[in-house]
Each structure stands twice: as structure tokens, then as C-alpha cells.
Amino acid sequence: MTYSLRTALFALCATVCVSIAPAYAADSLTEVQLLIRQGQYPQALNKVDSYLASRPKDAQGRFIKGLIFTEMKRSEDAIAIFTKLTEDYPELPEPYNNLAVLYAQQKQYDRARNALEMAIRTHPSYAIAYENLGDVYAKLASQAYDKALQLDTSNAAAQSKLAMIRDLVSAPDHSRAVNVAKAPVVSTQGRADPEPKPAQPTATVVATTPTPATSAVTASTPTAASASANTPAPRPPKAEPAAANPQEVAKTLAAWADAWSRQDVQAYLGFYAPAFKPPKGSRKDWEAERAARIRRPAWIKVSYTEPSIRIEGKQATVRFRQSYQASGLKTATDKTLVFTRAGNAWLILSEESN
């Protein structure tokens, strides 16, 4: 089955906002951009590494490095770059979006969906993330219908729905060549520049088109205003997140426990940050194990004592006594959750039971 999802196209900033770095730094990134456009990825990587040596926290340089790794097919290195950016700059939707692209290329559609939902949560007007999320849902739907037909080849309803999905995702895409993305511009205060300069058409760097067996969603930013415009519209100013409030963390904790009690696996896993690392094994194995344990009992009830919440910057440490009840089982344990702030949302970065 061939899916005609939009190919990832990257266009890097021709200039760098003066609030980030002096002119010589901007020139360095311009040289990196030129090397990428020429397909000289090892040289571009060396140049951006030199740039980052004196400014290791620079968001734009790190984002561009992630793009270079993507072009070089070093997916795991690119994922590491974009994941760390989501930790350091959780208000930026672009790293989440490009993580989704990489996960989709690896056919990890659940993780791609979670990353896109984070992009939307941090920037609700991010149109490209919504489009990519639709593509991911279409792929997940096609897999589900395929499975249904494997189990029941006479299922006419599943056959009809699968045909509809195939028609939807194989429709001609006339926006492929003009879909432009640019590296996020972050000031010295760590805020996204609300009105980035439009990328120059000559600065377009085209990612390798995936083979028909490998679907990719669009690595782009909300500056791509339409499918027919070559010049992206500037992103509208984004309101600053409100000051951290312990009540917001408490509400997130309550919603997490509620999703667990309702045995809503998708909602439950959605409370965990992309950077969350389970105590043992891989994230994929942990998610599979959690999904199985949540779905297995006939019912679940999760409650907890009044939590202790301490907020330091973009992280909140929450301690409480958790009670877990399920059919035939009742336990209680002390638990510590560390949340990280992503825009106006709080996501679980680490989890520890005592």
C-alpha cells in the first residue's frame, strides 16, 4: 500500500535575529545553510559544531544540527537533538513536530501522534501539526482496518473504510514543493520570536523523499500559511505562559489518575513527556507493558492523598501516597512524579515509587 503523505522540506533562516548573536554568529549559520543547500552535510555539521562550541544552548544552532542529522539519515542523533530541545524550550512547537516526522519514518505512529499533540498543546494555532496529526491518524486507521480484514476477510464495512482511507492519503499533493519550514528563533530570554522573517526561496533544502514503504509527515512550522503560497506568513504573536501555579499541577495529577482509573491508555500515556525515560528498558517496551497492565483488569481505581507540590522553574516535584485498587488487587505506595512545563501544560518527566 502506497501513501502519498507530504514529503519533508526544510528551509533555514537566511539571517539570525540580532537578539541571539552578533553578526559574525549570523554569518556562521548562513554558511551552514549554504553548505546544507549544496548537500555538503559533513562540512555543515563541522561548521555548526564550531558555532555551538561557544554557545551550546543556542536553540537555532541546535535545531539546524538536528536537521543536518535528519538529512544524513542519522535519525537517532536527530531525535536526541529535538528531544533535548523540547526539554530546554518546551514552548517551541517545531522540535515536537520534527520528532513526529522522525517517529513516523520509523513507523512509530503512536509516538508521532504524542509528539504532534504536544506541538498543538504548546501552540494551538500550529496548522502544520494538525495536518500531520491527520496523516498519522490516517495511517493508524489503515493499520487497524488492515488488521480487521486479516481477522475477517468478509468484513465489507472494513473494506469500504480502508478504501476511503487509501483514496484520502493517495490524493495528489500540490503543496509538496512549497511547504517551507524554518529553524525557530529564540531570544536570549528563551522566548520564541513572535514574528520570524520569511525564509528566502533560495534557501530551500529538500529532504530525501521517502520510499513508498516509508511514510513521512511534513517537517514544517506554522509559517507555511497555505498549500499554494511560496512565502510563509509570519506566525502571530504568542501569549506568554502564565506564571507557574501549583493548582495547574494538581489538576494535571488528577486528570492523570482519572485516565488511569478509566483505563484510557491513550490519555494516560499522553501525560508523559517525550523525554520521559522509564526506570527499566526502552520507552516502547514500557508503553506496551503499561498498556497491557491497564487494560487487563476488569476495573481500576486510583486515588491519592493530598499531594506535596514544589515548583522550581519549569519543573514541579509532586509527592503523594497512592492507593491502587483493581479486581483482586489492592496496594498503596509512596510516589514521586517530576513534571516539566510545556507551554501551559505539565507533563511527567520522571516517576518513582518508594
Protein backbone atom coordinates (compact mmCIF):
# COMPACT_ATOMS: atom_id res chain seq x y z
CA MET A 1 0.00 0.00 0.00
CA THR A 2 1.42 3.37 -1.02
CA TYR A 3 0.70 6.51 0.96
CA SER A 4 1.29 9.90 -0.60
CA LEU A 5 1.96 11.87 2.57
CA ARG A 6 3.70 15.17 2.16
CA THR A 7 7.47 14.99 1.93
CA ALA A 8 9.55 16.91 4.45
CA LEU A 9 11.12 20.08 3.04
CA PHE A 10 13.41 22.30 5.08
CA ALA A 11 14.30 25.97 4.54
CA LEU A 12 16.69 27.50 7.03
CA CYS A 13 16.75 31.12 8.10
CA ALA A 14 18.80 33.33 5.81
CA THR A 15 19.59 35.57 8.77
CA VAL A 16 19.58 35.24 12.52
CA CYS A 17 17.75 37.61 14.83
CA VAL A 18 20.22 40.08 16.34
CA SER A 19 18.89 39.28 19.80
CA ILE A 20 20.50 35.86 19.53
CA ALA A 21 24.04 36.57 18.46
CA PRO A 22 26.27 39.20 16.86
CA ALA A 23 26.79 39.49 13.11
CA TYR A 24 29.66 37.01 12.93
CA ALA A 25 27.43 34.34 14.52
CA ALA A 26 24.71 35.04 11.97
CA ASP A 27 27.29 34.70 9.21
CA SER A 28 28.31 31.31 10.62
CA LEU A 29 24.78 29.98 10.40
CA THR A 30 24.39 31.44 6.93
CA GLU A 31 27.46 29.45 5.87
CA VAL A 32 25.94 26.33 7.44
CA GLN A 33 22.77 26.99 5.48
CA LEU A 34 24.73 27.26 2.24
CA LEU A 35 26.56 24.00 2.91
CA ILE A 36 23.27 22.21 3.56
CA ARG A 37 21.79 23.60 0.34
CA GLN A 38 24.80 22.22 -1.50
CA GLY A 39 24.37 18.82 0.11
CA GLN A 40 27.69 19.10 1.98
CA TYR A 41 26.32 17.70 5.22
CA PRO A 42 29.59 16.63 6.94
CA GLN A 43 31.04 20.12 6.33
CA ALA A 44 27.80 21.72 7.57
CA LEU A 45 27.93 19.55 10.70
CA ASN A 46 31.51 20.59 11.44
CA LYS A 47 30.58 24.24 10.95
CA VAL A 48 27.53 24.11 13.21
CA ASP A 49 29.54 22.23 15.86
CA SER A 50 32.08 25.06 15.82
CA TYR A 51 29.22 27.54 16.17
CA LEU A 52 27.73 25.63 19.13
CA ALA A 53 31.09 25.22 20.88
CA SER A 54 30.86 28.78 22.22
CA ARG A 55 27.06 28.84 22.64
CA PRO A 56 25.93 25.26 23.45
CA LYS A 57 22.41 26.35 24.49
CA ASP A 58 21.65 28.19 21.24
CA ALA A 59 18.28 26.86 20.08
CA GLN A 60 18.62 27.76 16.42
CA GLY A 61 22.03 26.19 16.02
CA ARG A 62 20.88 23.02 17.76
CA PHE A 63 17.72 22.87 15.65
CA ILE A 64 19.79 23.19 12.46
CA LYS A 65 22.09 20.44 13.72
CA GLY A 66 19.02 18.23 14.10
CA LEU A 67 18.07 18.98 10.50
CA ILE A 68 21.57 18.04 9.34
CA PHE A 69 21.37 14.73 11.18
CA THR A 70 17.98 14.15 9.53
CA GLU A 71 19.46 14.76 6.09
CA MET A 72 22.34 12.40 6.89
CA LYS A 73 19.86 9.66 7.86
CA ARG A 74 21.17 9.73 11.43
CA SER A 75 17.68 9.50 12.84
CA GLU A 76 18.60 8.59 16.41
CA ASP A 77 21.01 11.54 16.65
CA ALA A 78 18.34 13.86 15.25
CA ILE A 79 15.78 12.51 17.72
CA ALA A 80 18.21 13.15 20.58
CA ILE A 81 18.70 16.77 19.43
CA PHE A 82 14.99 17.53 19.06
CA THR A 83 14.10 15.74 22.31
CA LYS A 84 16.60 17.84 24.27
CA LEU A 85 15.20 20.97 22.63
CA THR A 86 11.72 20.06 23.88
CA GLU A 87 13.18 19.88 27.38
CA ASP A 88 15.05 23.18 27.21
CA TYR A 89 12.47 25.08 25.13
CA PRO A 90 9.13 23.33 25.73
CA GLU A 91 7.27 26.38 24.40
CA LEU A 92 8.58 25.76 20.86
CA PRO A 93 6.36 23.51 18.71
CA GLU A 94 8.91 22.94 15.91
CA PRO A 95 11.08 20.34 17.73
CA TYR A 96 7.96 18.34 18.64
CA ASN A 97 6.82 18.44 15.01
CA ASN A 98 10.16 17.24 13.67
CA LEU A 99 10.28 14.49 16.28
CA ALA A 100 6.94 13.34 14.87
CA VAL A 101 8.43 13.28 11.36
CA LEU A 102 11.26 11.03 12.52
CA TYR A 103 8.97 8.75 14.50
CA ALA A 104 6.64 8.42 11.50
CA GLN A 105 9.58 7.47 9.30
CA GLN A 106 10.33 4.70 11.80
CA LYS A 107 6.62 3.69 11.75
CA GLN A 108 6.30 4.60 15.44
CA TYR A 109 2.95 6.23 14.83
CA ASP A 110 1.82 6.34 18.46
CA ARG A 111 4.92 8.31 19.42
CA ALA A 112 4.48 10.54 16.38
CA ARG A 113 0.92 11.25 17.47
CA ASN A 114 2.02 12.11 21.03
CA ALA A 115 4.69 14.50 19.74
CA LEU A 116 2.22 16.26 17.44
CA GLU A 117 -0.31 16.59 20.24
CA MET A 118 2.43 18.28 22.29
CA ALA A 119 3.18 20.65 19.41
CA ILE A 120 -0.51 21.58 19.28
CA ARG A 121 -0.74 21.90 23.06
CA THR A 122 2.15 24.36 23.12
CA HIS A 123 0.94 26.25 20.04
CA PRO A 124 -2.80 25.71 19.40
CA SER A 125 -2.70 27.61 16.08
CA TYR A 126 0.06 25.41 14.61
CA ALA A 127 -1.70 24.33 11.39
CA ILE A 128 1.04 22.03 10.07
CA ALA A 129 0.92 19.94 13.26
CA TYR A 130 -2.83 19.46 12.81
CA GLU A 131 -2.29 18.35 9.21
CA ASN A 132 0.50 15.97 10.23
CA LEU A 133 -1.67 14.61 13.03
CA GLY A 134 -4.38 13.86 10.48
CA ASP A 135 -1.84 11.97 8.36
CA VAL A 136 -0.73 9.94 11.38
CA TYR A 137 -4.33 9.14 12.33
CA ALA A 138 -4.96 8.04 8.74
CA LYS A 139 -2.01 5.66 8.92
CA LEU A 140 -3.16 4.29 12.28
CA ALA A 141 -6.66 3.84 10.88
CA SER A 142 -5.38 1.99 7.83
CA GLN A 143 -3.39 -0.37 10.04
CA ALA A 144 -6.48 -1.05 12.16
CA TYR A 145 -8.66 -1.75 9.12
CA ASP A 146 -5.96 -3.99 7.64
CA LYS A 147 -5.91 -5.96 10.88
CA ALA A 148 -9.69 -6.22 10.90
CA LEU A 149 -9.63 -7.66 7.37
CA GLN A 150 -6.92 -10.14 8.31
CA LEU A 151 -9.20 -11.43 11.06
CA ASP A 152 -12.37 -11.31 8.95
CA THR A 153 -11.84 -11.15 5.20
CA SER A 154 -15.60 -10.85 4.59
CA ASN A 155 -15.91 -7.63 6.62
CA ALA A 156 -17.45 -5.36 3.98
CA ALA A 157 -17.53 -2.33 6.28
CA ALA A 158 -13.79 -2.56 6.97
CA GLN A 159 -13.10 -2.99 3.25
CA SER A 160 -15.11 0.15 2.45
CA LYS A 161 -13.42 2.21 5.16
CA LEU A 162 -9.96 1.04 4.13
CA ALA A 163 -10.70 2.05 0.53
CA MET A 164 -11.76 5.50 1.73
CA ILE A 165 -8.53 5.90 3.71
CA ARG A 166 -6.48 4.82 0.69
CA ASP A 167 -8.22 7.37 -1.51
CA LEU A 168 -7.68 10.07 1.10
CA VAL A 169 -3.96 9.60 1.62
CA SER A 170 -3.13 8.88 -2.01
CA ALA A 171 -4.69 12.10 -3.32
CA PRO A 172 -2.27 14.33 -5.32
CA ASP A 173 -0.43 16.81 -3.09
CA HIS A 174 0.24 20.07 -4.96
CA SER A 175 1.83 21.77 -1.95
CA ARG A 176 4.81 19.44 -1.75
CA ALA A 177 7.36 21.72 -3.38
CA VAL A 178 6.42 24.89 -1.49
CA ASN A 179 5.99 23.58 2.03
CA VAL A 180 8.66 25.51 3.94
CA ALA A 181 9.99 25.15 7.47
CA LYS A 182 12.50 27.29 9.32
CA ALA A 183 14.51 26.87 12.45
CA PRO A 184 12.94 28.51 15.50
CA VAL A 185 14.39 31.86 16.54
CA VAL A 186 14.85 32.18 20.29
CA SER A 187 15.93 35.30 22.11
CA THR A 188 18.39 35.40 24.99
CA GLN A 189 15.39 35.22 27.32
CA GLY A 190 14.47 31.86 25.76
CA ARG A 191 11.25 33.05 24.06
CA ALA A 192 10.28 32.29 20.50
CA ASP A 193 10.48 35.28 18.19
CA PRO A 194 6.79 36.10 17.57
CA GLU A 195 7.36 37.37 14.03
CA PRO A 196 10.12 35.41 12.27
CA LYS A 197 11.38 36.68 8.92
CA PRO A 198 10.05 34.73 5.90
CA ALA A 199 12.57 32.21 4.58
CA GLN A 200 14.21 33.10 1.27
CA PRO A 201 13.20 30.81 -1.63
CA THR A 202 16.86 30.24 -2.50
CA ALA A 203 17.48 28.82 0.96
CA THR A 204 15.32 25.74 0.49
CA VAL A 205 16.93 22.45 1.45
CA VAL A 206 14.94 19.44 0.29
CA ALA A 207 14.94 16.33 2.44
CA THR A 208 15.32 13.00 0.70
CA THR A 209 11.93 11.77 -0.49
CA PRO A 210 10.95 8.63 1.44
CA THR A 211 10.38 5.39 -0.41
CA PRO A 212 6.75 4.29 -0.84
CA ALA A 213 7.15 1.89 2.08
CA THR A 214 8.16 4.67 4.45
CA SER A 215 5.60 7.37 5.12
CA ALA A 216 6.67 10.77 6.41
CA VAL A 217 4.69 13.69 7.70
CA THR A 218 5.59 17.28 6.99
CA ALA A 219 8.59 18.73 8.85
CA SER A 220 7.40 22.28 8.86
CA THR A 221 6.46 25.18 11.05
CA PRO A 222 3.20 27.14 11.29
CA THR A 223 4.71 29.75 8.98
CA ALA A 224 3.58 27.65 6.00
CA ALA A 225 0.31 29.52 5.54
CA SER A 226 -1.21 27.61 2.63
CA ALA A 227 -0.55 24.94 0.04
CA SER A 228 -0.09 27.43 -2.77
CA ALA A 229 1.97 30.26 -1.24
CA ASN A 230 5.74 30.24 -1.69
CA THR A 231 6.32 32.78 1.08
CA PRO A 232 5.10 31.73 4.52
CA ALA A 233 3.09 34.16 6.61
CA PRO A 234 4.67 35.28 9.90
CA ARG A 235 3.48 33.49 12.98
CA PRO A 236 1.06 35.60 15.05
CA PRO A 237 2.37 36.76 18.43
CA LYS A 238 2.03 34.07 21.04
CA ALA A 239 0.98 34.96 24.57
CA GLU A 240 3.47 34.23 27.31
CA PRO A 241 2.54 31.27 29.51
CA ALA A 242 1.04 32.31 32.83
CA ALA A 243 3.16 32.07 35.95
CA ALA A 244 3.50 28.55 37.30
CA ASN A 245 0.60 27.67 39.58
CA PRO A 246 0.55 24.61 41.89
CA GLN A 247 -3.18 24.24 41.16
CA GLU A 248 -2.38 23.58 37.49
CA VAL A 249 -0.04 20.77 38.52
CA ALA A 250 -2.68 19.40 40.91
CA LYS A 251 -5.29 19.40 38.11
CA THR A 252 -2.88 17.54 35.82
CA LEU A 253 -2.22 14.97 38.54
CA ALA A 254 -5.97 14.47 39.00
CA ALA A 255 -6.50 14.05 35.24
CA TRP A 256 -3.63 11.53 35.08
CA ALA A 257 -5.16 9.44 37.88
CA ASP A 258 -8.60 9.71 36.26
CA ALA A 259 -7.31 8.48 32.86
CA TRP A 260 -5.66 5.56 34.64
CA SER A 261 -8.87 4.75 36.54
CA ARG A 262 -10.91 4.92 33.31
CA GLN A 263 -8.35 2.59 31.69
CA ASP A 264 -7.93 5.10 28.86
CA VAL A 265 -4.46 4.05 27.72
CA GLN A 266 -4.07 6.77 25.09
CA ALA A 267 -4.98 9.55 27.52
CA TYR A 268 -2.80 8.04 30.26
CA LEU A 269 0.31 7.80 28.08
CA GLY A 270 -0.34 11.32 26.81
CA PHE A 271 0.61 12.70 30.25
CA TYR A 272 4.23 11.52 29.81
CA ALA A 273 6.73 13.90 28.20
CA PRO A 274 8.64 12.82 25.08
CA ALA A 275 11.78 12.99 27.23
CA PHE A 276 10.36 10.60 29.87
CA LYS A 277 12.65 7.66 30.49
CA PRO A 278 11.26 4.57 32.22
CA PRO A 279 13.21 3.03 35.12
CA LYS A 280 13.95 -0.09 33.05
CA GLY A 281 14.05 -0.93 29.36
CA SER A 282 13.07 1.17 26.38
CA ARG A 283 10.23 3.66 26.20
CA LYS A 284 8.47 1.48 23.62
CA ASP A 285 8.61 -1.60 25.85
CA TRP A 286 7.47 0.42 28.85
CA GLU A 287 4.45 1.78 26.96
CA ALA A 288 3.49 -1.71 25.79
CA GLU A 289 3.80 -3.07 29.33
CA ARG A 290 1.76 -0.20 30.81
CA ALA A 291 -0.94 -0.58 28.16
CA ALA A 292 -1.26 -4.31 28.91
CA ARG A 293 -1.44 -3.77 32.68
CA ILE A 294 -4.04 -1.03 32.39
CA ARG A 295 -6.30 -2.98 30.03
CA ARG A 296 -6.03 -6.33 31.85
CA PRO A 297 -8.21 -5.79 34.99
CA ALA A 298 -12.00 -5.58 34.78
CA TRP A 299 -11.82 -2.27 36.66
CA ILE A 300 -9.24 0.07 38.23
CA LYS A 301 -9.50 2.78 40.88
CA VAL A 302 -6.55 5.10 41.57
CA SER A 303 -6.64 7.62 44.40
CA TYR A 304 -4.05 9.52 46.40
CA THR A 305 -3.52 11.67 49.46
CA GLU A 306 -3.14 15.46 49.35
CA PRO A 307 -0.02 15.96 47.21
CA SER A 308 3.05 17.99 48.17
CA ILE A 309 3.95 20.20 45.20
CA ARG A 310 7.22 22.10 44.84
CA ILE A 311 7.82 24.17 41.68
CA GLU A 312 11.30 25.23 40.60
CA GLY A 313 11.45 26.99 37.23
CA LYS A 314 9.96 24.71 34.59
CA GLN A 315 9.83 21.63 36.81
CA ALA A 316 7.44 20.58 39.56
CA THR A 317 8.12 17.78 42.05
CA VAL A 318 4.95 16.13 43.36
CA ARG A 319 4.93 13.65 46.27
CA PHE A 320 1.89 11.73 47.50
CA ARG A 321 0.64 8.39 48.84
CA GLN A 322 -1.03 6.45 46.04
CA SER A 323 -3.74 3.83 46.50
CA TYR A 324 -4.34 1.39 43.67
CA GLN A 325 -7.31 -0.96 43.53
CA ALA A 326 -8.22 -3.41 40.79
CA SER A 327 -10.17 -6.63 40.54
CA GLY A 328 -8.44 -8.90 43.05
CA LEU A 329 -5.68 -6.44 43.99
CA LYS A 330 -5.19 -3.53 46.41
CA THR A 331 -1.86 -1.77 47.02
CA ALA A 332 -0.53 1.50 48.43
CA THR A 333 2.81 3.15 47.74
CA ASP A 334 4.63 6.45 48.15
CA LYS A 335 5.16 8.06 44.76
CA THR A 336 7.18 10.97 43.38
CA LEU A 337 6.38 12.47 39.98
CA VAL A 338 8.53 15.15 38.38
CA PHE A 339 6.60 17.26 35.87
CA THR A 340 8.08 19.52 33.20
CA ARG A 341 6.26 22.54 31.87
CA ALA A 342 5.45 22.56 28.15
CA GLY A 343 3.76 25.85 27.33
CA ASN A 344 0.75 25.92 29.64
CA ALA A 345 0.76 22.15 30.12
CA TRP A 346 2.57 19.93 32.61
CA LEU A 347 3.94 16.54 31.55
CA ILE A 348 5.57 13.74 33.57
CA LEU A 349 9.34 13.69 33.15
CA SER A 350 10.13 11.00 35.73
CA GLU A 351 8.22 8.65 38.04
CA GLU A 352 9.46 6.91 41.17
CA SER A 353 7.71 4.60 43.62
CA ASN A 354 9.07 4.08 47.12
